[in-house]
Amino acid sequence: MKELFPAKQVMGFVFSLVLTVVALFVYYTDMSFKAGMTLLLVTAFIQAFLQLVVFMHAGESKDGKAIYTNVLYGVIIAVVTVFGSLLILLWDM
């Protein structure tokens, strides 16, 4: 019976709820902008990784390494695009 209970998914769901409560804590408290954004970014990346591993089962297939490599490549492309746009449009470089 123990193998039928999805303990990993339940714990992932509970941890996602905790991260959401942390984000709500940032919203409802009078936190400085830098501290709030830092905390939100950290919790957002943790939650995205948690969703990828626990609920999308990224590491459970034979090509899990390729999935992680593709995700890393996508993150690099997104960061380059965002910072490149900021350099051109806002900072006039």
C-alpha atoms as a PDB file:
ATOM      1  CA  MET A   1       0.000   0.000   0.000  1.00  0.00           C
ATOM      2  CA  LYS A   2       2.897   2.342   0.721  1.00  0.00           C
ATOM      3  CA  GLU A   3       4.078   2.231  -2.906  1.00  0.00           C
ATOM      4  CA  LEU A   4       0.632   3.384  -4.061  1.00  0.00           C
ATOM      5  CA  PHE A   5       0.739   6.621  -2.035  1.00  0.00           C
ATOM      6  CA  PRO A   6       2.444   9.431  -4.023  1.00  0.00           C
ATOM      7  CA  ALA A   7       4.560  10.743  -1.139  1.00  0.00           C
ATOM      8  CA  LYS A   8       7.003  12.556  -3.428  1.00  0.00           C
ATOM      9  CA  GLN A   9       4.205  14.454  -5.170  1.00  0.00           C
ATOM     10  CA  VAL A  10       2.461  15.333  -1.900  1.00  0.00           C
ATOM     11  CA  MET A  11       5.689  16.662  -0.394  1.00  0.00           C
ATOM     12  CA  GLY A  12       6.368  18.636  -3.575  1.00  0.00           C
ATOM     13  CA  PHE A  13       2.872  20.115  -3.389  1.00  0.00           C
ATOM     14  CA  VAL A  14       3.324  21.069   0.274  1.00  0.00           C
ATOM     15  CA  PHE A  15       6.699  22.653  -0.482  1.00  0.00           C
ATOM     16  CA  SER A  16       5.119  24.594  -3.376  1.00  0.00           C
ATOM     17  CA  LEU A  17       2.486  25.888  -0.968  1.00  0.00           C
ATOM     18  CA  VAL A  18       5.203  26.962   1.472  1.00  0.00           C
ATOM     19  CA  LEU A  19       7.006  28.848  -1.292  1.00  0.00           C
ATOM     20  CA  THR A  20       3.717  30.528  -2.235  1.00  0.00           C
ATOM     21  CA  VAL A  21       3.198  31.583   1.387  1.00  0.00           C
ATOM     22  CA  VAL A  22       6.705  33.091   1.365  1.00  0.00           C
ATOM     23  CA  ALA A  23       5.766  35.086  -1.743  1.00  0.00           C
ATOM     24  CA  LEU A  24       2.578  36.284  -0.038  1.00  0.00           C
ATOM     25  CA  PHE A  25       4.665  37.236   3.003  1.00  0.00           C
ATOM     26  CA  VAL A  26       6.791  39.477   0.760  1.00  0.00           C
ATOM     27  CA  TYR A  27       3.644  41.066  -0.658  1.00  0.00           C
ATOM     28  CA  TYR A  28       1.929  41.772   2.655  1.00  0.00           C
ATOM     29  CA  THR A  29       4.938  43.020   4.648  1.00  0.00           C
ATOM     30  CA  ASP A  30       6.714  46.319   4.285  1.00  0.00           C
ATOM     31  CA  MET A  31       9.932  44.875   2.926  1.00  0.00           C
ATOM     32  CA  SER A  32      12.514  46.868   0.991  1.00  0.00           C
ATOM     33  CA  PHE A  33      12.403  46.512  -2.781  1.00  0.00           C
ATOM     34  CA  LYS A  34      15.798  44.818  -3.054  1.00  0.00           C
ATOM     35  CA  ALA A  35      15.119  42.314  -0.289  1.00  0.00           C
ATOM     36  CA  GLY A  36      11.639  41.536  -1.623  1.00  0.00           C
ATOM     37  CA  MET A  37      12.793  41.034  -5.199  1.00  0.00           C
ATOM     38  CA  THR A  38      15.717  38.887  -4.095  1.00  0.00           C
ATOM     39  CA  LEU A  39      13.447  36.669  -2.026  1.00  0.00           C
ATOM     40  CA  LEU A  40      10.870  36.445  -4.815  1.00  0.00           C
ATOM     41  CA  LEU A  41      13.481  35.527  -7.431  1.00  0.00           C
ATOM     42  CA  VAL A  42      15.022  32.855  -5.223  1.00  0.00           C
ATOM     43  CA  THR A  43      11.658  31.297  -4.389  1.00  0.00           C
ATOM     44  CA  ALA A  44      10.566  31.495  -8.037  1.00  0.00           C
ATOM     45  CA  PHE A  45      13.614  29.576  -9.259  1.00  0.00           C
ATOM     46  CA  ILE A  46      13.260  27.002  -6.494  1.00  0.00           C
ATOM     47  CA  GLN A  47       9.598  26.517  -7.338  1.00  0.00           C
ATOM     48  CA  ALA A  48      10.311  26.219 -11.073  1.00  0.00           C
ATOM     49  CA  PHE A  49      12.967  23.575 -10.405  1.00  0.00           C
ATOM     50  CA  LEU A  50      10.608  21.767  -8.033  1.00  0.00           C
ATOM     51  CA  GLN A  51       7.856  21.719 -10.660  1.00  0.00           C
ATOM     52  CA  LEU A  52      10.275  20.408 -13.272  1.00  0.00           C
ATOM     53  CA  VAL A  53      11.629  17.595 -11.135  1.00  0.00           C
ATOM     54  CA  VAL A  54       8.617  16.483  -9.106  1.00  0.00           C
ATOM     55  CA  PHE A  55       5.597  17.075 -11.300  1.00  0.00           C
ATOM     56  CA  MET A  56       7.037  16.915 -14.818  1.00  0.00           C
ATOM     57  CA  HIS A  57       9.208  13.870 -13.948  1.00  0.00           C
ATOM     58  CA  ALA A  58      12.279  15.280 -15.696  1.00  0.00           C
ATOM     59  CA  GLY A  59      14.806  13.017 -13.986  1.00  0.00           C
ATOM     60  CA  GLU A  60      12.850   9.778 -14.275  1.00  0.00           C
ATOM     61  CA  SER A  61      13.420   9.055 -17.949  1.00  0.00           C
ATOM     62  CA  LYS A  62      16.468   7.659 -19.725  1.00  0.00           C
ATOM     63  CA  ASP A  63      17.274  11.028 -21.277  1.00  0.00           C
ATOM     64  CA  GLY A  64      16.971  13.076 -18.077  1.00  0.00           C
ATOM     65  CA  LYS A  65      20.395  14.595 -18.666  1.00  0.00           C
ATOM     66  CA  ALA A  66      19.289  15.870 -22.071  1.00  0.00           C
ATOM     67  CA  ILE A  67      16.166  17.402 -20.532  1.00  0.00           C
ATOM     68  CA  TYR A  68      18.207  19.283 -17.935  1.00  0.00           C
ATOM     69  CA  THR A  69      20.642  20.420 -20.630  1.00  0.00           C
ATOM     70  CA  ASN A  70      17.775  21.761 -22.754  1.00  0.00           C
ATOM     71  CA  VAL A  71      16.285  23.591 -19.774  1.00  0.00           C
ATOM     72  CA  LEU A  72      19.664  25.144 -18.971  1.00  0.00           C
ATOM     73  CA  TYR A  73      20.058  26.200 -22.602  1.00  0.00           C
ATOM     74  CA  GLY A  74      16.598  27.803 -22.523  1.00  0.00           C
ATOM     75  CA  VAL A  75      17.448  29.704 -19.337  1.00  0.00           C
ATOM     76  CA  ILE A  76      20.698  30.966 -20.871  1.00  0.00           C
ATOM     77  CA  ILE A  77      18.895  32.150 -24.015  1.00  0.00           C
ATOM     78  CA  ALA A  78      16.236  33.901 -21.886  1.00  0.00           C
ATOM     79  CA  VAL A  79      18.844  35.655 -19.723  1.00  0.00           C
ATOM     80  CA  VAL A  80      20.844  36.791 -22.762  1.00  0.00           C
ATOM     81  CA  THR A  81      17.664  38.082 -24.430  1.00  0.00           C
ATOM     82  CA  VAL A  82      16.481  39.986 -21.355  1.00  0.00           C
ATOM     83  CA  PHE A  83      19.844  41.541 -20.525  1.00  0.00           C
ATOM     84  CA  GLY A  84      20.553  42.288 -24.182  1.00  0.00           C
ATOM     85  CA  SER A  85      17.221  44.092 -24.445  1.00  0.00           C
ATOM     86  CA  LEU A  86      17.952  46.017 -21.252  1.00  0.00           C
ATOM     87  CA  LEU A  87      21.391  47.001 -22.525  1.00  0.00           C
ATOM     88  CA  ILE A  88      19.985  48.315 -25.794  1.00  0.00           C
ATOM     89  CA  LEU A  89      16.649  49.810 -24.774  1.00  0.00           C
ATOM     90  CA  LEU A  90      17.282  51.185 -21.279  1.00  0.00           C
ATOM     91  CA  TRP A  91      20.976  51.639 -20.789  1.00  0.00           C
ATOM     92  CA  ASP A  92      21.837  52.838 -24.365  1.00  0.00           C
ATOM     93  CA  MET A  93      24.870  50.604 -24.781  1.00  0.00           C
END
